[in-house]
Amino acid sequence: MLFELKKIKPSTLAKIYGWFGLILGIITAIILFIVSLVDMSAGTNFMWLIFSYPPNMTRWAIILIPVFMWIFYYIQGGILALIYNYIAKHFGGVKLDFDKEITPVAVRPMIRAVERSSKKSEVTKKIPKKKPTKSKRSKKK
């Protein structure tokens, strides 16, 4: 089946990009920490030349790099979703081809309700209905 992705919710893409940026920031911070340990053990001041800050600022960079990368990637994800929505509105969205038939999420509760009602109707068909009996009061009159 061929589907078209017409719109992306900016907050959703921003969250995904934000987590991706946080993971990359943590990896970058770990690499920075290892390089700074090697640099300090060698007794050189090489990190100061590369990153233009004193070696004691490395601990702050290790904390701040993931935070800033998370913030910037979050903003970038939101902006990219807005750009995609604008382009998809005017030129058409991305075409997605799936092998299996997919039921839209909004239709699933309706399908379940129909299945439940059909099961209930099968059960009620099996139970014989009682004939209404006349009460004693109606006979007296």
N, C-alpha and C. Protein backbone atom coordinates (compact mmCIF):
# COMPACT_ATOMS: atom_id res chain seq x y z
N MET A 1 0.84 -1.18 0.00
CA MET A 1 0.00 0.00 0.00
C MET A 1 0.88 1.24 0.00
N LEU A 2 0.46 2.25 -0.70
CA LEU A 2 1.22 3.48 -0.80
C LEU A 2 0.54 4.57 0.02
N PHE A 3 1.28 5.13 0.97
CA PHE A 3 0.77 6.20 1.82
C PHE A 3 1.63 7.45 1.62
N GLU A 4 1.04 8.60 1.93
CA GLU A 4 1.77 9.86 1.82
C GLU A 4 1.84 10.51 3.20
N LEU A 5 3.04 10.89 3.60
CA LEU A 5 3.25 11.57 4.87
C LEU A 5 3.01 13.06 4.62
N LYS A 6 1.84 13.53 5.05
CA LYS A 6 1.44 14.90 4.74
C LYS A 6 1.92 15.91 5.77
N LYS A 7 2.00 15.50 7.03
CA LYS A 7 2.33 16.46 8.08
C LYS A 7 3.09 15.75 9.20
N ILE A 8 4.04 16.46 9.79
CA ILE A 8 4.78 15.98 10.96
C ILE A 8 4.52 16.95 12.10
N LYS A 9 4.14 16.44 13.24
CA LYS A 9 3.92 17.29 14.40
C LYS A 9 5.28 17.79 14.90
N PRO A 10 5.50 19.11 14.91
CA PRO A 10 6.82 19.64 15.27
C PRO A 10 7.32 19.21 16.65
N SER A 11 6.42 19.12 17.63
CA SER A 11 6.88 18.73 18.98
C SER A 11 7.39 17.30 19.00
N THR A 12 6.80 16.43 18.20
CA THR A 12 7.24 15.03 18.15
C THR A 12 8.64 14.92 17.55
N LEU A 13 8.85 15.57 16.43
CA LEU A 13 10.17 15.51 15.80
C LEU A 13 11.21 16.22 16.66
N ALA A 14 10.81 17.29 17.33
CA ALA A 14 11.74 18.00 18.21
C ALA A 14 12.19 17.10 19.36
N LYS A 15 11.28 16.32 19.93
CA LYS A 15 11.65 15.40 21.01
C LYS A 15 12.65 14.36 20.52
N ILE A 16 12.37 13.79 19.35
CA ILE A 16 13.27 12.77 18.80
C ILE A 16 14.65 13.36 18.54
N TYR A 17 14.70 14.53 17.91
CA TYR A 17 15.98 15.18 17.65
C TYR A 17 16.67 15.55 18.96
N GLY A 18 15.90 16.00 19.95
CA GLY A 18 16.49 16.37 21.24
C GLY A 18 17.17 15.19 21.91
N TRP A 19 16.51 14.03 21.93
CA TRP A 19 17.14 12.84 22.53
C TRP A 19 18.36 12.41 21.73
N PHE A 20 18.28 12.51 20.41
CA PHE A 20 19.43 12.18 19.58
C PHE A 20 20.60 13.11 19.89
N GLY A 21 20.32 14.40 20.05
CA GLY A 21 21.36 15.37 20.39
C GLY A 21 21.95 15.12 21.77
N LEU A 22 21.10 14.72 22.72
CA LEU A 22 21.59 14.41 24.07
C LEU A 22 22.54 13.22 24.04
N ILE A 23 22.18 12.19 23.30
CA ILE A 23 23.05 11.00 23.19
C ILE A 23 24.38 11.37 22.55
N LEU A 24 24.33 12.14 21.47
CA LEU A 24 25.58 12.59 20.83
C LEU A 24 26.40 13.48 21.75
N GLY A 25 25.72 14.31 22.53
CA GLY A 25 26.41 15.17 23.48
C GLY A 25 27.11 14.38 24.57
N ILE A 26 26.47 13.32 25.06
CA ILE A 26 27.09 12.48 26.07
C ILE A 26 28.31 11.76 25.50
N ILE A 27 28.18 11.26 24.27
CA ILE A 27 29.33 10.61 23.62
C ILE A 27 30.47 11.61 23.45
N THR A 28 30.15 12.82 23.01
CA THR A 28 31.17 13.86 22.85
C THR A 28 31.82 14.20 24.19
N ALA A 29 31.02 14.28 25.24
CA ALA A 29 31.56 14.60 26.56
C ALA A 29 32.48 13.49 27.07
N ILE A 30 32.12 12.25 26.82
CA ILE A 30 32.98 11.13 27.23
C ILE A 30 34.31 11.18 26.50
N ILE A 31 34.27 11.43 25.20
CA ILE A 31 35.51 11.55 24.43
C ILE A 31 36.35 12.71 24.94
N LEU A 32 35.71 13.84 25.22
CA LEU A 32 36.42 15.00 25.75
C LEU A 32 37.06 14.67 27.11
N PHE A 33 36.34 13.94 27.94
CA PHE A 33 36.86 13.56 29.26
C PHE A 33 38.09 12.66 29.12
N ILE A 34 38.02 11.68 28.22
CA ILE A 34 39.16 10.77 28.02
C ILE A 34 40.36 11.52 27.48
N VAL A 35 40.15 12.40 26.51
CA VAL A 35 41.25 13.18 25.94
C VAL A 35 41.86 14.09 27.01
N SER A 36 41.02 14.69 27.85
CA SER A 36 41.56 15.57 28.89
C SER A 36 42.35 14.79 29.93
N LEU A 37 41.93 13.54 30.24
CA LEU A 37 42.70 12.71 31.17
C LEU A 37 44.06 12.36 30.60
N VAL A 38 44.08 12.01 29.32
CA VAL A 38 45.35 11.69 28.65
C VAL A 38 46.23 12.93 28.61
N ASP A 39 45.63 14.06 28.34
CA ASP A 39 46.37 15.32 28.26
C ASP A 39 46.98 15.68 29.62
N MET A 40 46.20 15.51 30.70
CA MET A 40 46.72 15.83 32.03
C MET A 40 47.78 14.84 32.48
N SER A 41 47.64 13.57 32.10
CA SER A 41 48.63 12.58 32.52
C SER A 41 49.95 12.79 31.80
N ALA A 42 49.89 13.35 30.59
CA ALA A 42 51.12 13.62 29.85
C ALA A 42 51.78 14.91 30.32
N GLY A 43 51.07 15.71 31.08
CA GLY A 43 51.63 16.96 31.60
C GLY A 43 51.66 18.07 30.58
N THR A 44 50.88 17.93 29.51
CA THR A 44 50.84 18.98 28.49
C THR A 44 49.58 19.82 28.67
N ASN A 45 49.52 20.88 27.94
CA ASN A 45 48.37 21.76 27.99
C ASN A 45 47.72 21.82 26.61
N PHE A 46 47.63 20.64 25.98
CA PHE A 46 47.16 20.56 24.61
C PHE A 46 45.68 20.90 24.48
N MET A 47 44.86 20.53 25.46
CA MET A 47 43.43 20.81 25.41
C MET A 47 43.15 22.31 25.36
N TRP A 48 43.96 23.07 26.02
CA TRP A 48 43.76 24.51 26.03
C TRP A 48 43.94 25.09 24.63
N LEU A 49 44.87 24.52 23.86
CA LEU A 49 45.10 24.99 22.50
C LEU A 49 43.95 24.62 21.56
N ILE A 50 43.38 23.45 21.76
CA ILE A 50 42.31 22.98 20.87
C ILE A 50 40.99 23.69 21.16
N PHE A 51 40.57 23.69 22.41
CA PHE A 51 39.24 24.17 22.76
C PHE A 51 39.21 25.60 23.27
N SER A 52 40.37 26.25 23.37
CA SER A 52 40.50 27.65 23.76
C SER A 52 39.91 27.94 25.15
N TYR A 53 40.03 27.04 26.05
CA TYR A 53 39.67 27.30 27.44
C TYR A 53 40.66 26.54 28.34
N PRO A 54 40.83 27.02 29.54
CA PRO A 54 41.80 26.38 30.44
C PRO A 54 41.39 24.94 30.77
N PRO A 55 42.36 24.10 31.14
CA PRO A 55 42.06 22.69 31.43
C PRO A 55 41.04 22.48 32.55
N ASN A 56 40.97 23.39 33.53
CA ASN A 56 39.99 23.19 34.61
C ASN A 56 38.56 23.45 34.13
N MET A 57 38.38 24.01 32.95
CA MET A 57 37.04 24.22 32.39
C MET A 57 36.48 22.95 31.73
N THR A 58 37.33 21.92 31.63
CA THR A 58 36.89 20.68 30.99
C THR A 58 35.70 20.08 31.72
N ARG A 59 35.70 20.12 33.04
CA ARG A 59 34.58 19.53 33.78
C ARG A 59 33.27 20.25 33.48
N TRP A 60 33.33 21.57 33.27
CA TRP A 60 32.11 22.30 32.91
C TRP A 60 31.69 21.98 31.49
N ALA A 61 32.66 21.79 30.63
CA ALA A 61 32.33 21.45 29.23
C ALA A 61 31.68 20.08 29.16
N ILE A 62 32.14 19.15 30.00
CA ILE A 62 31.57 17.81 30.01
C ILE A 62 30.09 17.86 30.42
N ILE A 63 29.74 18.77 31.29
CA ILE A 63 28.35 18.91 31.73
C ILE A 63 27.53 19.71 30.72
N LEU A 64 28.10 20.78 30.20
CA LEU A 64 27.33 21.69 29.36
C LEU A 64 27.17 21.23 27.91
N ILE A 65 28.11 20.47 27.38
CA ILE A 65 28.01 20.03 25.98
C ILE A 65 26.74 19.22 25.74
N PRO A 66 26.42 18.19 26.55
CA PRO A 66 25.16 17.46 26.31
C PRO A 66 23.92 18.33 26.45
N VAL A 67 23.94 19.26 27.41
CA VAL A 67 22.77 20.12 27.62
C VAL A 67 22.55 21.03 26.42
N PHE A 68 23.62 21.69 25.97
CA PHE A 68 23.48 22.59 24.81
C PHE A 68 23.15 21.82 23.54
N MET A 69 23.73 20.63 23.36
CA MET A 69 23.41 19.85 22.17
C MET A 69 21.94 19.42 22.20
N TRP A 70 21.42 19.07 23.39
CA TRP A 70 20.01 18.70 23.50
C TRP A 70 19.12 19.89 23.11
N ILE A 71 19.45 21.07 23.62
CA ILE A 71 18.65 22.27 23.31
C ILE A 71 18.69 22.59 21.83
N PHE A 72 19.88 22.60 21.23
CA PHE A 72 20.01 22.96 19.82
C PHE A 72 19.36 21.92 18.91
N TYR A 73 19.51 20.65 19.22
CA TYR A 73 18.89 19.62 18.40
C TYR A 73 17.37 19.66 18.54
N TYR A 74 16.86 19.96 19.73
CA TYR A 74 15.42 20.09 19.94
C TYR A 74 14.86 21.21 19.06
N ILE A 75 15.49 22.35 19.07
CA ILE A 75 15.06 23.49 18.24
C ILE A 75 15.16 23.12 16.76
N GLN A 76 16.24 22.46 16.39
CA GLN A 76 16.43 22.07 14.99
C GLN A 76 15.33 21.11 14.53
N GLY A 77 14.94 20.15 15.38
CA GLY A 77 13.87 19.21 15.02
C GLY A 77 12.55 19.92 14.79
N GLY A 78 12.21 20.88 15.63
CA GLY A 78 10.98 21.64 15.46
C GLY A 78 10.98 22.46 14.18
N ILE A 79 12.09 23.10 13.90
CA ILE A 79 12.20 23.91 12.68
C ILE A 79 12.13 23.03 11.44
N LEU A 80 12.81 21.88 11.46
CA LEU A 80 12.76 20.98 10.30
C LEU A 80 11.35 20.44 10.06
N ALA A 81 10.60 20.18 11.12
CA ALA A 81 9.21 19.72 10.95
C ALA A 81 8.36 20.81 10.32
N LEU A 82 8.55 22.05 10.74
CA LEU A 82 7.80 23.16 10.15
C LEU A 82 8.14 23.33 8.67
N ILE A 83 9.43 23.21 8.34
CA ILE A 83 9.85 23.32 6.94
C ILE A 83 9.26 22.18 6.12
N TYR A 84 9.29 20.96 6.67
CA TYR A 84 8.72 19.81 5.95
C TYR A 84 7.21 20.02 5.72
N ASN A 85 6.51 20.47 6.73
CA ASN A 85 5.06 20.69 6.59
C ASN A 85 4.76 21.71 5.51
N TYR A 86 5.56 22.76 5.43
CA TYR A 86 5.36 23.78 4.40
C TYR A 86 5.60 23.20 3.00
N ILE A 87 6.71 22.47 2.86
CA ILE A 87 7.03 21.89 1.55
C ILE A 87 6.01 20.82 1.16
N ALA A 88 5.61 19.98 2.11
CA ALA A 88 4.64 18.92 1.81
C ALA A 88 3.28 19.50 1.44
N LYS A 89 2.94 20.62 2.02
CA LYS A 89 1.66 21.26 1.71
C LYS A 89 1.62 21.74 0.26
N HIS A 90 2.74 22.25 -0.22
CA HIS A 90 2.78 22.83 -1.56
C HIS A 90 3.20 21.84 -2.65
N PHE A 91 4.08 20.90 -2.33
CA PHE A 91 4.61 20.01 -3.35
C PHE A 91 4.27 18.54 -3.14
N GLY A 92 3.65 18.20 -2.03
CA GLY A 92 3.33 16.80 -1.74
C GLY A 92 4.34 16.21 -0.77
N GLY A 93 3.87 15.27 0.02
CA GLY A 93 4.71 14.68 1.04
C GLY A 93 5.49 13.47 0.55
N VAL A 94 6.19 12.85 1.46
CA VAL A 94 6.98 11.67 1.17
C VAL A 94 6.04 10.49 0.98
N LYS A 95 6.27 9.72 -0.07
CA LYS A 95 5.46 8.54 -0.34
C LYS A 95 6.09 7.34 0.36
N LEU A 96 5.29 6.62 1.15
CA LEU A 96 5.75 5.46 1.89
C LEU A 96 5.03 4.22 1.37
N ASP A 97 5.78 3.17 1.07
CA ASP A 97 5.21 1.94 0.55
C ASP A 97 5.36 0.85 1.60
N PHE A 98 4.23 0.27 2.05
CA PHE A 98 4.23 -0.79 3.06
C PHE A 98 3.79 -2.09 2.43
N ASP A 99 4.40 -3.20 2.85
CA ASP A 99 4.04 -4.51 2.33
C ASP A 99 2.70 -4.97 2.86
N LYS A 100 2.44 -4.74 4.15
CA LYS A 100 1.21 -5.20 4.77
C LYS A 100 0.21 -4.05 4.84
N GLU A 101 -1.07 -4.42 4.87
CA GLU A 101 -2.11 -3.40 4.99
C GLU A 101 -2.12 -2.86 6.41
N ILE A 102 -2.16 -1.56 6.55
CA ILE A 102 -2.14 -0.91 7.85
C ILE A 102 -3.50 -0.26 8.09
N THR A 103 -4.04 -0.53 9.27
CA THR A 103 -5.31 0.10 9.65
C THR A 103 -4.99 1.39 10.38
N PRO A 104 -5.57 2.50 9.96
CA PRO A 104 -5.31 3.76 10.67
C PRO A 104 -5.71 3.67 12.14
N VAL A 105 -4.99 4.36 12.99
CA VAL A 105 -5.20 4.29 14.43
C VAL A 105 -6.60 4.73 14.82
N ALA A 106 -7.15 5.71 14.15
CA ALA A 106 -8.48 6.22 14.50
C ALA A 106 -9.58 5.20 14.20
N VAL A 107 -9.33 4.27 13.29
CA VAL A 107 -10.34 3.30 12.90
C VAL A 107 -10.35 2.09 13.84
N ARG A 108 -9.22 1.79 14.48
CA ARG A 108 -9.11 0.60 15.32
C ARG A 108 -10.16 0.52 16.43
N PRO A 109 -10.42 1.60 17.22
CA PRO A 109 -11.45 1.48 18.25
C PRO A 109 -12.83 1.16 17.67
N MET A 110 -13.11 1.69 16.48
CA MET A 110 -14.40 1.41 15.85
C MET A 110 -14.49 -0.06 15.45
N ILE A 111 -13.39 -0.62 14.95
CA ILE A 111 -13.37 -2.03 14.56
C ILE A 111 -13.59 -2.90 15.79
N ARG A 112 -12.91 -2.57 16.89
CA ARG A 112 -13.08 -3.34 18.13
C ARG A 112 -14.52 -3.28 18.63
N ALA A 113 -15.14 -2.10 18.56
CA ALA A 113 -16.52 -1.96 19.01
C ALA A 113 -17.46 -2.82 18.17
N VAL A 114 -17.24 -2.86 16.86
CA VAL A 114 -18.07 -3.68 15.98
C VAL A 114 -17.86 -5.15 16.28
N GLU A 115 -16.61 -5.55 16.54
CA GLU A 115 -16.33 -6.95 16.86
C GLU A 115 -17.02 -7.35 18.17
N ARG A 116 -16.96 -6.46 19.17
CA ARG A 116 -17.61 -6.75 20.45
C ARG A 116 -19.12 -6.87 20.29
N SER A 117 -19.71 -5.95 19.53
CA SER A 117 -21.17 -5.99 19.35
C SER A 117 -21.59 -7.24 18.58
N SER A 118 -20.78 -7.68 17.63
CA SER A 118 -21.13 -8.89 16.90
C SER A 118 -21.02 -10.12 17.80
N LYS A 119 -20.05 -10.13 18.72
CA LYS A 119 -19.94 -11.23 19.67
C LYS A 119 -21.13 -11.24 20.62
N LYS A 120 -21.57 -10.07 21.08
CA LYS A 120 -22.73 -9.97 21.97
C LYS A 120 -23.99 -10.45 21.26
N SER A 121 -24.15 -10.10 19.99
CA SER A 121 -25.35 -10.50 19.27
C SER A 121 -25.38 -12.01 19.07
N GLU A 122 -24.22 -12.64 18.87
CA GLU A 122 -24.17 -14.09 18.76
C GLU A 122 -24.60 -14.75 20.06
N VAL A 123 -24.18 -14.18 21.18
CA VAL A 123 -24.53 -14.73 22.48
C VAL A 123 -26.02 -14.57 22.74
N THR A 124 -26.58 -13.45 22.41
CA THR A 124 -28.00 -13.22 22.66
C THR A 124 -28.88 -14.08 21.77
N LYS A 125 -28.41 -14.47 20.60
CA LYS A 125 -29.18 -15.33 19.72
C LYS A 125 -29.32 -16.74 20.32
N LYS A 126 -28.35 -17.19 21.04
CA LYS A 126 -28.37 -18.54 21.60
C LYS A 126 -29.31 -18.65 22.79
N ILE A 127 -29.55 -17.58 23.50
CA ILE A 127 -30.41 -17.61 24.68
C ILE A 127 -31.86 -17.41 24.23
N PRO A 128 -32.74 -18.38 24.55
CA PRO A 128 -34.14 -18.21 24.15
C PRO A 128 -34.81 -17.11 24.98
N LYS A 129 -35.68 -16.37 24.33
CA LYS A 129 -36.38 -15.29 25.03
C LYS A 129 -37.61 -15.85 25.73
N LYS A 130 -37.90 -15.32 26.92
CA LYS A 130 -39.09 -15.74 27.66
C LYS A 130 -40.30 -14.99 27.13
N LYS A 131 -41.44 -15.70 27.16
CA LYS A 131 -42.68 -15.06 26.72
C LYS A 131 -43.21 -14.22 27.88
N PRO A 132 -43.70 -13.05 27.58
CA PRO A 132 -44.23 -12.21 28.67
C PRO A 132 -45.49 -12.85 29.26
N THR A 133 -45.55 -12.85 30.55
CA THR A 133 -46.72 -13.41 31.24
C THR A 133 -47.58 -12.27 31.75
N LYS A 134 -48.89 -12.55 31.82
CA LYS A 134 -49.80 -11.52 32.31
C LYS A 134 -49.83 -11.60 33.82
N SER A 135 -49.88 -10.46 34.44
CA SER A 135 -49.91 -10.43 35.90
C SER A 135 -51.33 -10.72 36.41
N LYS A 136 -51.46 -11.02 37.69
CA LYS A 136 -52.76 -11.34 38.29
C LYS A 136 -53.69 -10.14 38.26
N ARG A 137 -53.20 -8.97 38.38
CA ARG A 137 -54.03 -7.76 38.40
C ARG A 137 -54.72 -7.55 37.07
N SER A 138 -54.02 -7.83 35.98
CA SER A 138 -54.64 -7.62 34.69
C SER A 138 -55.78 -8.60 34.43
N LYS A 139 -55.74 -9.81 35.04
CA LYS A 139 -56.81 -10.79 34.89
C LYS A 139 -58.06 -10.38 35.65
N LYS A 140 -57.92 -9.75 36.82
CA LYS A 140 -59.06 -9.36 37.65
C LYS A 140 -59.90 -8.29 36.96
N LYS A 141 -59.35 -7.44 36.24
CA LYS A 141 -60.09 -6.34 35.62
C LYS A 141 -60.76 -6.77 34.41
